[in-house]
Amino acid sequence: MASVVLIDLESSRTSAERTSDLSLFGCQVVPGNSSPAGKRLRLQIPHNGEVFEAVGRVANVRPTTGIGIVFTKIELRQQLVLEEWLAELRKKD
């Protein structure tokens, strides 16, 4: 679990949530119940002094587990940050 800031790209509304199941393609956000399927969001995930940023879309909403977000736009530098984080996680398993 990690902290994530979600920014609604239409209203600029910001919320602080928790994320899990981070992958190259998206993540799960808990609770995230205020974002309907299809909503476009900017995500900011801080970790070890760096912040990963991406644009995503709510792919699914599950009342008990939160929302699933698929990344739709990641800048190259941000992609490298994400890949580094995931490599670190694989070493811990």
N, C-alpha and C. Protein backbone atom coordinates (compact mmCIF):
# COMPACT_ATOMS: atom_id res chain seq x y z
N MET A 1 0.84 -1.18 0.00
CA MET A 1 0.00 0.00 0.00
C MET A 1 0.88 1.24 0.00
N ALA A 2 0.45 2.24 -0.75
CA ALA A 2 1.16 3.51 -0.82
C ALA A 2 0.13 4.63 -0.93
N SER A 3 0.55 5.84 -0.60
CA SER A 3 -0.31 7.00 -0.76
C SER A 3 -0.41 7.37 -2.22
N VAL A 4 -1.57 7.88 -2.62
CA VAL A 4 -1.76 8.37 -3.98
C VAL A 4 -2.66 9.60 -3.91
N VAL A 5 -2.33 10.60 -4.71
CA VAL A 5 -3.18 11.77 -4.86
C VAL A 5 -3.86 11.63 -6.22
N LEU A 6 -5.18 11.74 -6.22
CA LEU A 6 -5.96 11.69 -7.45
C LEU A 6 -6.47 13.08 -7.76
N ILE A 7 -6.28 13.53 -8.99
CA ILE A 7 -6.75 14.84 -9.42
C ILE A 7 -7.71 14.62 -10.59
N ASP A 8 -8.95 15.00 -10.40
CA ASP A 8 -9.97 14.89 -11.44
C ASP A 8 -9.62 15.88 -12.55
N LEU A 9 -9.43 15.40 -13.77
CA LEU A 9 -9.02 16.27 -14.87
C LEU A 9 -10.12 17.22 -15.33
N GLU A 10 -11.37 16.95 -15.00
CA GLU A 10 -12.47 17.84 -15.38
C GLU A 10 -12.71 18.93 -14.34
N SER A 11 -12.75 18.55 -13.07
CA SER A 11 -13.10 19.51 -12.02
C SER A 11 -11.90 20.02 -11.22
N SER A 12 -10.74 19.40 -11.39
CA SER A 12 -9.52 19.70 -10.62
C SER A 12 -9.66 19.33 -9.15
N ARG A 13 -10.72 18.60 -8.79
CA ARG A 13 -10.89 18.14 -7.41
C ARG A 13 -9.79 17.15 -7.07
N THR A 14 -9.24 17.28 -5.88
CA THR A 14 -8.13 16.44 -5.43
C THR A 14 -8.56 15.59 -4.24
N SER A 15 -8.10 14.34 -4.22
CA SER A 15 -8.36 13.48 -3.06
C SER A 15 -7.11 12.66 -2.77
N ALA A 16 -6.90 12.40 -1.49
CA ALA A 16 -5.78 11.57 -1.05
C ALA A 16 -6.34 10.19 -0.72
N GLU A 17 -5.76 9.16 -1.32
CA GLU A 17 -6.25 7.79 -1.17
C GLU A 17 -5.05 6.87 -0.90
N ARG A 18 -5.30 5.57 -0.95
CA ARG A 18 -4.25 4.55 -0.84
C ARG A 18 -4.30 3.71 -2.10
N THR A 19 -3.14 3.25 -2.56
CA THR A 19 -3.08 2.42 -3.76
C THR A 19 -2.41 1.09 -3.47
N SER A 20 -2.80 0.10 -4.24
CA SER A 20 -2.18 -1.23 -4.13
C SER A 20 -2.18 -1.84 -5.52
N ASP A 21 -1.57 -2.99 -5.64
CA ASP A 21 -1.53 -3.71 -6.92
C ASP A 21 -0.99 -2.85 -8.06
N LEU A 22 0.06 -2.11 -7.78
CA LEU A 22 0.68 -1.26 -8.80
C LEU A 22 1.36 -2.13 -9.86
N SER A 23 1.11 -1.79 -11.12
CA SER A 23 1.73 -2.51 -12.23
C SER A 23 2.12 -1.51 -13.31
N LEU A 24 2.70 -2.01 -14.40
CA LEU A 24 3.05 -1.14 -15.53
C LEU A 24 1.81 -0.56 -16.20
N PHE A 25 0.65 -1.16 -15.95
CA PHE A 25 -0.55 -0.78 -16.67
C PHE A 25 -1.59 -0.04 -15.84
N GLY A 26 -1.46 -0.08 -14.51
CA GLY A 26 -2.43 0.58 -13.66
C GLY A 26 -2.29 0.20 -12.21
N CYS A 27 -3.34 0.48 -11.44
CA CYS A 27 -3.30 0.18 -10.01
C CYS A 27 -4.73 0.12 -9.46
N GLN A 28 -4.83 -0.31 -8.23
CA GLN A 28 -6.09 -0.34 -7.48
C GLN A 28 -6.02 0.82 -6.50
N VAL A 29 -7.12 1.55 -6.30
CA VAL A 29 -7.16 2.65 -5.35
C VAL A 29 -8.29 2.41 -4.36
N VAL A 30 -7.97 2.56 -3.07
CA VAL A 30 -8.92 2.32 -1.99
C VAL A 30 -9.05 3.58 -1.16
N PRO A 31 -10.21 4.10 -0.83
CA PRO A 31 -11.48 3.56 -1.27
C PRO A 31 -11.84 4.00 -2.68
N GLY A 32 -11.58 5.24 -3.07
CA GLY A 32 -11.80 5.68 -4.44
C GLY A 32 -13.23 5.60 -4.91
N ASN A 33 -14.18 5.49 -4.00
CA ASN A 33 -15.58 5.28 -4.37
C ASN A 33 -16.23 6.50 -5.04
N SER A 34 -15.60 7.65 -4.99
CA SER A 34 -16.23 8.85 -5.54
C SER A 34 -15.96 9.03 -7.03
N SER A 35 -15.21 8.15 -7.65
CA SER A 35 -14.88 8.28 -9.06
C SER A 35 -15.60 7.21 -9.88
N PRO A 36 -16.48 7.62 -10.79
CA PRO A 36 -17.20 6.64 -11.60
C PRO A 36 -16.34 6.07 -12.73
N ALA A 37 -16.76 4.93 -13.26
CA ALA A 37 -16.05 4.32 -14.39
C ALA A 37 -15.97 5.33 -15.54
N GLY A 38 -14.80 5.38 -16.18
CA GLY A 38 -14.57 6.29 -17.29
C GLY A 38 -13.96 7.62 -16.89
N LYS A 39 -14.00 7.96 -15.62
CA LYS A 39 -13.45 9.24 -15.14
C LYS A 39 -11.95 9.32 -15.41
N ARG A 40 -11.48 10.45 -15.96
CA ARG A 40 -10.06 10.65 -16.23
C ARG A 40 -9.41 11.36 -15.05
N LEU A 41 -8.27 10.82 -14.60
CA LEU A 41 -7.59 11.32 -13.41
C LEU A 41 -6.09 11.46 -13.66
N ARG A 42 -5.47 12.38 -12.94
CA ARG A 42 -4.01 12.42 -12.85
C ARG A 42 -3.67 11.81 -11.50
N LEU A 43 -2.69 10.90 -11.51
CA LEU A 43 -2.26 10.23 -10.28
C LEU A 43 -0.86 10.72 -9.92
N GLN A 44 -0.63 10.89 -8.63
CA GLN A 44 0.70 11.21 -8.11
C GLN A 44 0.95 10.27 -6.95
N ILE A 45 2.01 9.43 -7.10
CA ILE A 45 2.35 8.45 -6.06
C ILE A 45 3.77 8.75 -5.57
N PRO A 46 3.91 9.25 -4.34
CA PRO A 46 5.26 9.49 -3.80
C PRO A 46 5.85 8.21 -3.21
N HIS A 47 7.17 8.05 -3.40
CA HIS A 47 7.85 6.88 -2.83
C HIS A 47 9.36 7.15 -2.87
N ASN A 48 10.01 6.97 -1.73
CA ASN A 48 11.48 7.11 -1.62
C ASN A 48 12.01 8.40 -2.24
N GLY A 49 11.34 9.51 -1.98
CA GLY A 49 11.82 10.81 -2.44
C GLY A 49 11.50 11.14 -3.89
N GLU A 50 10.80 10.25 -4.59
CA GLU A 50 10.39 10.52 -5.96
C GLU A 50 8.87 10.47 -6.04
N VAL A 51 8.32 11.08 -7.09
CA VAL A 51 6.88 11.05 -7.30
C VAL A 51 6.62 10.55 -8.71
N PHE A 52 5.85 9.46 -8.79
CA PHE A 52 5.42 8.94 -10.08
C PHE A 52 4.13 9.65 -10.45
N GLU A 53 4.05 10.15 -11.69
CA GLU A 53 2.84 10.81 -12.17
C GLU A 53 2.40 10.18 -13.47
N ALA A 54 1.09 10.05 -13.61
CA ALA A 54 0.51 9.50 -14.84
C ALA A 54 -0.92 9.98 -14.97
N VAL A 55 -1.44 9.89 -16.17
CA VAL A 55 -2.86 10.12 -16.41
C VAL A 55 -3.50 8.75 -16.56
N GLY A 56 -4.67 8.60 -15.98
CA GLY A 56 -5.35 7.32 -16.05
C GLY A 56 -6.85 7.48 -16.18
N ARG A 57 -7.51 6.34 -16.33
CA ARG A 57 -8.96 6.29 -16.45
C ARG A 57 -9.48 5.22 -15.50
N VAL A 58 -10.58 5.51 -14.83
CA VAL A 58 -11.20 4.53 -13.95
C VAL A 58 -11.77 3.42 -14.83
N ALA A 59 -11.23 2.23 -14.69
CA ALA A 59 -11.65 1.09 -15.51
C ALA A 59 -12.79 0.32 -14.86
N ASN A 60 -12.79 0.26 -13.52
CA ASN A 60 -13.86 -0.45 -12.82
C ASN A 60 -14.03 0.10 -11.42
N VAL A 61 -15.23 -0.06 -10.90
CA VAL A 61 -15.56 0.39 -9.55
C VAL A 61 -16.14 -0.79 -8.80
N ARG A 62 -15.53 -1.10 -7.67
CA ARG A 62 -16.00 -2.20 -6.82
C ARG A 62 -16.18 -1.65 -5.42
N PRO A 63 -17.42 -1.60 -4.93
CA PRO A 63 -17.70 -0.96 -3.64
C PRO A 63 -16.85 -1.48 -2.48
N THR A 64 -16.49 -2.75 -2.48
CA THR A 64 -15.74 -3.31 -1.35
C THR A 64 -14.23 -3.20 -1.52
N THR A 65 -13.73 -3.05 -2.75
CA THR A 65 -12.28 -3.02 -2.95
C THR A 65 -11.76 -1.74 -3.59
N GLY A 66 -12.62 -0.79 -3.94
CA GLY A 66 -12.18 0.47 -4.51
C GLY A 66 -12.29 0.51 -6.02
N ILE A 67 -11.42 1.30 -6.64
CA ILE A 67 -11.48 1.47 -8.09
C ILE A 67 -10.21 0.96 -8.76
N GLY A 68 -10.36 0.43 -9.94
CA GLY A 68 -9.22 0.02 -10.75
C GLY A 68 -8.93 1.11 -11.76
N ILE A 69 -7.70 1.54 -11.83
CA ILE A 69 -7.30 2.61 -12.76
C ILE A 69 -6.30 2.04 -13.75
N VAL A 70 -6.55 2.31 -15.02
CA VAL A 70 -5.62 1.93 -16.08
C VAL A 70 -4.89 3.21 -16.50
N PHE A 71 -3.56 3.12 -16.62
CA PHE A 71 -2.78 4.27 -17.05
C PHE A 71 -2.99 4.49 -18.54
N THR A 72 -3.24 5.74 -18.93
CA THR A 72 -3.45 6.05 -20.34
C THR A 72 -2.35 6.93 -20.92
N LYS A 73 -1.59 7.62 -20.04
CA LYS A 73 -0.48 8.45 -20.51
C LYS A 73 0.58 8.52 -19.43
N ILE A 74 1.79 8.09 -19.78
CA ILE A 74 2.94 8.16 -18.87
C ILE A 74 4.12 8.72 -19.66
N GLU A 75 4.70 9.78 -19.16
CA GLU A 75 5.90 10.35 -19.78
C GLU A 75 7.06 9.36 -19.61
N LEU A 76 8.03 9.42 -20.49
CA LEU A 76 9.15 8.47 -20.47
C LEU A 76 9.86 8.45 -19.12
N ARG A 77 10.17 9.61 -18.57
CA ARG A 77 10.87 9.67 -17.27
C ARG A 77 10.03 8.99 -16.18
N GLN A 78 8.73 9.21 -16.23
CA GLN A 78 7.84 8.60 -15.25
C GLN A 78 7.77 7.08 -15.42
N GLN A 79 7.80 6.62 -16.66
CA GLN A 79 7.81 5.19 -16.95
C GLN A 79 9.05 4.54 -16.34
N LEU A 80 10.19 5.21 -16.44
CA LEU A 80 11.43 4.69 -15.86
C LEU A 80 11.35 4.61 -14.34
N VAL A 81 10.74 5.62 -13.72
CA VAL A 81 10.56 5.61 -12.26
C VAL A 81 9.70 4.41 -11.87
N LEU A 82 8.59 4.21 -12.57
CA LEU A 82 7.70 3.09 -12.27
C LEU A 82 8.41 1.75 -12.45
N GLU A 83 9.13 1.58 -13.53
CA GLU A 83 9.85 0.33 -13.77
C GLU A 83 10.88 0.06 -12.67
N GLU A 84 11.55 1.11 -12.21
CA GLU A 84 12.52 0.96 -11.12
C GLU A 84 11.83 0.50 -9.84
N TRP A 85 10.71 1.10 -9.51
CA TRP A 85 9.97 0.71 -8.31
C TRP A 85 9.52 -0.75 -8.38
N LEU A 86 8.99 -1.13 -9.53
CA LEU A 86 8.52 -2.51 -9.68
C LEU A 86 9.66 -3.52 -9.61
N ALA A 87 10.83 -3.14 -10.13
CA ALA A 87 12.00 -4.01 -10.04
C ALA A 87 12.40 -4.19 -8.58
N GLU A 88 12.33 -3.12 -7.78
CA GLU A 88 12.63 -3.20 -6.35
C GLU A 88 11.66 -4.15 -5.65
N LEU A 89 10.40 -4.06 -5.99
CA LEU A 89 9.40 -4.94 -5.37
C LEU A 89 9.64 -6.40 -5.72
N ARG A 90 10.02 -6.68 -6.96
CA ARG A 90 10.28 -8.06 -7.37
C ARG A 90 11.46 -8.64 -6.60
N LYS A 91 12.46 -7.82 -6.29
CA LYS A 91 13.62 -8.29 -5.52
C LYS A 91 13.23 -8.70 -4.11
N LYS A 92 12.20 -8.05 -3.55
CA LYS A 92 11.76 -8.33 -2.18
C LYS A 92 10.96 -9.62 -2.08
N ASP A 93 10.38 -10.05 -3.19
CA ASP A 93 9.56 -11.29 -3.16
C ASP A 93 10.37 -12.54 -3.09
